[in-house]
Amino acid sequence: MQNERQELARITSQAPKQNTDFNSLKQLWL
């Protein structure tokens, strides 16, 4: 799970604009 978390942080860092979209997806995943 930690690995996935790091990857997510990397993606969000690369795409700050999509951060909101990613947050929504993360909540759905959880």
PDB file of N, CA and C in Angstrom:
ATOM      1  N   MET A   1       0.845  -1.203   0.000  1.00  0.00           N
ATOM      2  CA  MET A   1       0.000   0.000   0.000  1.00  0.00           C
ATOM      3  C   MET A   1       0.882   1.256   0.000  1.00  0.00           C
ATOM      4  N   GLN A   2       1.987   1.171   0.703  1.00  0.00           N
ATOM      5  CA  GLN A   2       2.874   2.338   0.761  1.00  0.00           C
ATOM      6  C   GLN A   2       3.385   2.679  -0.637  1.00  0.00           C
ATOM      7  N   ASN A   3       3.706   1.640  -1.404  1.00  0.00           N
ATOM      8  CA  ASN A   3       4.203   1.865  -2.761  1.00  0.00           C
ATOM      9  C   ASN A   3       3.174   2.631  -3.578  1.00  0.00           C
ATOM     10  N   GLU A   4       1.935   2.207  -3.479  1.00  0.00           N
ATOM     11  CA  GLU A   4       0.864   2.868  -4.242  1.00  0.00           C
ATOM     12  C   GLU A   4       0.732   4.321  -3.797  1.00  0.00           C
ATOM     13  N   ARG A   5       0.881   4.536  -2.521  1.00  0.00           N
ATOM     14  CA  ARG A   5       0.744   5.899  -1.988  1.00  0.00           C
ATOM     15  C   ARG A   5       1.835   6.793  -2.580  1.00  0.00           C
ATOM     16  N   GLN A   6       3.046   6.283  -2.626  1.00  0.00           N
ATOM     17  CA  GLN A   6       4.152   7.076  -3.175  1.00  0.00           C
ATOM     18  C   GLN A   6       3.899   7.379  -4.650  1.00  0.00           C
ATOM     19  N   GLU A   7       3.408   6.405  -5.363  1.00  0.00           N
ATOM     20  CA  GLU A   7       3.128   6.612  -6.798  1.00  0.00           C
ATOM     21  C   GLU A   7       2.056   7.685  -6.963  1.00  0.00           C
ATOM     22  N   LEU A   8       1.049   7.633  -6.115  1.00  0.00           N
ATOM     23  CA  LEU A   8      -0.033   8.629  -6.193  1.00  0.00           C
ATOM     24  C   LEU A   8       0.534  10.017  -5.948  1.00  0.00           C
ATOM     25  N   ALA A   9       1.367  10.132  -4.946  1.00  0.00           N
ATOM     26  CA  ALA A   9       1.965  11.439  -4.624  1.00  0.00           C
ATOM     27  C   ALA A   9       2.786  11.925  -5.813  1.00  0.00           C
ATOM     28  N   ARG A  10       3.462  11.019  -6.471  1.00  0.00           N
ATOM     29  CA  ARG A  10       4.290  11.407  -7.623  1.00  0.00           C
ATOM     30  C   ARG A  10       3.391  11.933  -8.746  1.00  0.00           C
ATOM     31  N   ILE A  11       2.336  11.219  -9.021  1.00  0.00           N
ATOM     32  CA  ILE A  11       1.420  11.630 -10.092  1.00  0.00           C
ATOM     33  C   ILE A  11       0.800  12.984  -9.759  1.00  0.00           C
ATOM     34  N   THR A  12       0.378  13.144  -8.522  1.00  0.00           N
ATOM     35  CA  THR A  12      -0.245  14.413  -8.121  1.00  0.00           C
ATOM     36  C   THR A  12       0.776  15.538  -8.242  1.00  0.00           C
ATOM     37  N   SER A  13       2.018  15.237  -7.905  1.00  0.00           N
ATOM     38  CA  SER A  13       3.066  16.266  -7.983  1.00  0.00           C
ATOM     39  C   SER A  13       3.281  16.672  -9.443  1.00  0.00           C
ATOM     40  N   GLN A  14       3.196  15.703 -10.331  1.00  0.00           N
ATOM     41  CA  GLN A  14       3.408  15.999 -11.756  1.00  0.00           C
ATOM     42  C   GLN A  14       2.192  16.703 -12.347  1.00  0.00           C
ATOM     43  N   ALA A  15       1.036  16.392 -11.809  1.00  0.00           N
ATOM     44  CA  ALA A  15      -0.195  17.009 -12.338  1.00  0.00           C
ATOM     45  C   ALA A  15      -0.989  17.655 -11.200  1.00  0.00           C
ATOM     46  N   PRO A  16      -0.548  18.814 -10.735  1.00  0.00           N
ATOM     47  CA  PRO A  16      -1.248  19.498  -9.637  1.00  0.00           C
ATOM     48  C   PRO A  16      -2.668  19.881 -10.022  1.00  0.00           C
ATOM     49  N   LYS A  17      -2.854  20.134 -11.307  1.00  0.00           N
ATOM     50  CA  LYS A  17      -4.206  20.522 -11.775  1.00  0.00           C
ATOM     51  C   LYS A  17      -5.162  19.343 -11.623  1.00  0.00           C
ATOM     52  N   GLN A  18      -4.670  18.158 -11.907  1.00  0.00           N
ATOM     53  CA  GLN A  18      -5.520  16.962 -11.803  1.00  0.00           C
ATOM     54  C   GLN A  18      -5.605  16.477 -10.360  1.00  0.00           C
ATOM     55  N   ASN A  19      -4.951  17.188  -9.470  1.00  0.00           N
ATOM     56  CA  ASN A  19      -4.952  16.785  -8.057  1.00  0.00           C
ATOM     57  C   ASN A  19      -6.386  16.625  -7.557  1.00  0.00           C
ATOM     58  N   THR A  20      -7.237  17.563  -7.893  1.00  0.00           N
ATOM     59  CA  THR A  20      -8.636  17.502  -7.436  1.00  0.00           C
ATOM     60  C   THR A  20      -9.285  16.232  -7.985  1.00  0.00           C
ATOM     61  N   ASP A  21      -9.093  15.973  -9.259  1.00  0.00           N
ATOM     62  CA  ASP A  21      -9.685  14.765  -9.861  1.00  0.00           C
ATOM     63  C   ASP A  21      -9.137  13.519  -9.164  1.00  0.00           C
ATOM     64  N   PHE A  22      -7.852  13.534  -8.914  1.00  0.00           N
ATOM     65  CA  PHE A  22      -7.226  12.371  -8.278  1.00  0.00           C
ATOM     66  C   PHE A  22      -7.775  12.179  -6.870  1.00  0.00           C
ATOM     67  N   ASN A  23      -7.958  13.280  -6.163  1.00  0.00           N
ATOM     68  CA  ASN A  23      -8.496  13.200  -4.798  1.00  0.00           C
ATOM     69  C   ASN A  23      -9.859  12.527  -4.832  1.00  0.00           C
ATOM     70  N   SER A  24     -10.672  12.899  -5.779  1.00  0.00           N
ATOM     71  CA  SER A  24     -12.025  12.308  -5.894  1.00  0.00           C
ATOM     72  C   SER A  24     -11.899  10.804  -6.144  1.00  0.00           C
ATOM     73  N   LEU A  25     -10.998  10.436  -7.026  1.00  0.00           N
ATOM     74  CA  LEU A  25     -10.822   9.012  -7.336  1.00  0.00           C
ATOM     75  C   LEU A  25     -10.309   8.272  -6.110  1.00  0.00           C
ATOM     76  N   LYS A  26      -9.400   8.916  -5.391  1.00  0.00           N
ATOM     77  CA  LYS A  26      -8.846   8.282  -4.193  1.00  0.00           C
ATOM     78  C   LYS A  26      -9.961   8.003  -3.186  1.00  0.00           C
ATOM     79  N   GLN A  27     -10.835   8.954  -3.005  1.00  0.00           N
ATOM     80  CA  GLN A  27     -11.940   8.768  -2.053  1.00  0.00           C
ATOM     81  C   GLN A  27     -12.816   7.605  -2.505  1.00  0.00           C
ATOM     82  N   LEU A  28     -13.026   7.499  -3.800  1.00  0.00           N
ATOM     83  CA  LEU A  28     -13.861   6.410  -4.320  1.00  0.00           C
ATOM     84  C   LEU A  28     -13.166   5.075  -4.060  1.00  0.00           C
ATOM     85  N   TRP A  29     -11.862   5.050  -4.274  1.00  0.00           N
ATOM     86  CA  TRP A  29     -11.098   3.820  -4.049  1.00  0.00           C
ATOM     87  C   TRP A  29     -11.210   3.402  -2.593  1.00  0.00           C
ATOM     88  N   LEU A  30     -11.086   4.394  -1.698  1.00  0.00           N
ATOM     89  CA  LEU A  30     -11.134   4.088  -0.261  1.00  0.00           C
ATOM     90  C   LEU A  30     -12.550   3.670   0.093  1.00  0.00           C
TER      91      LEU A  30
END
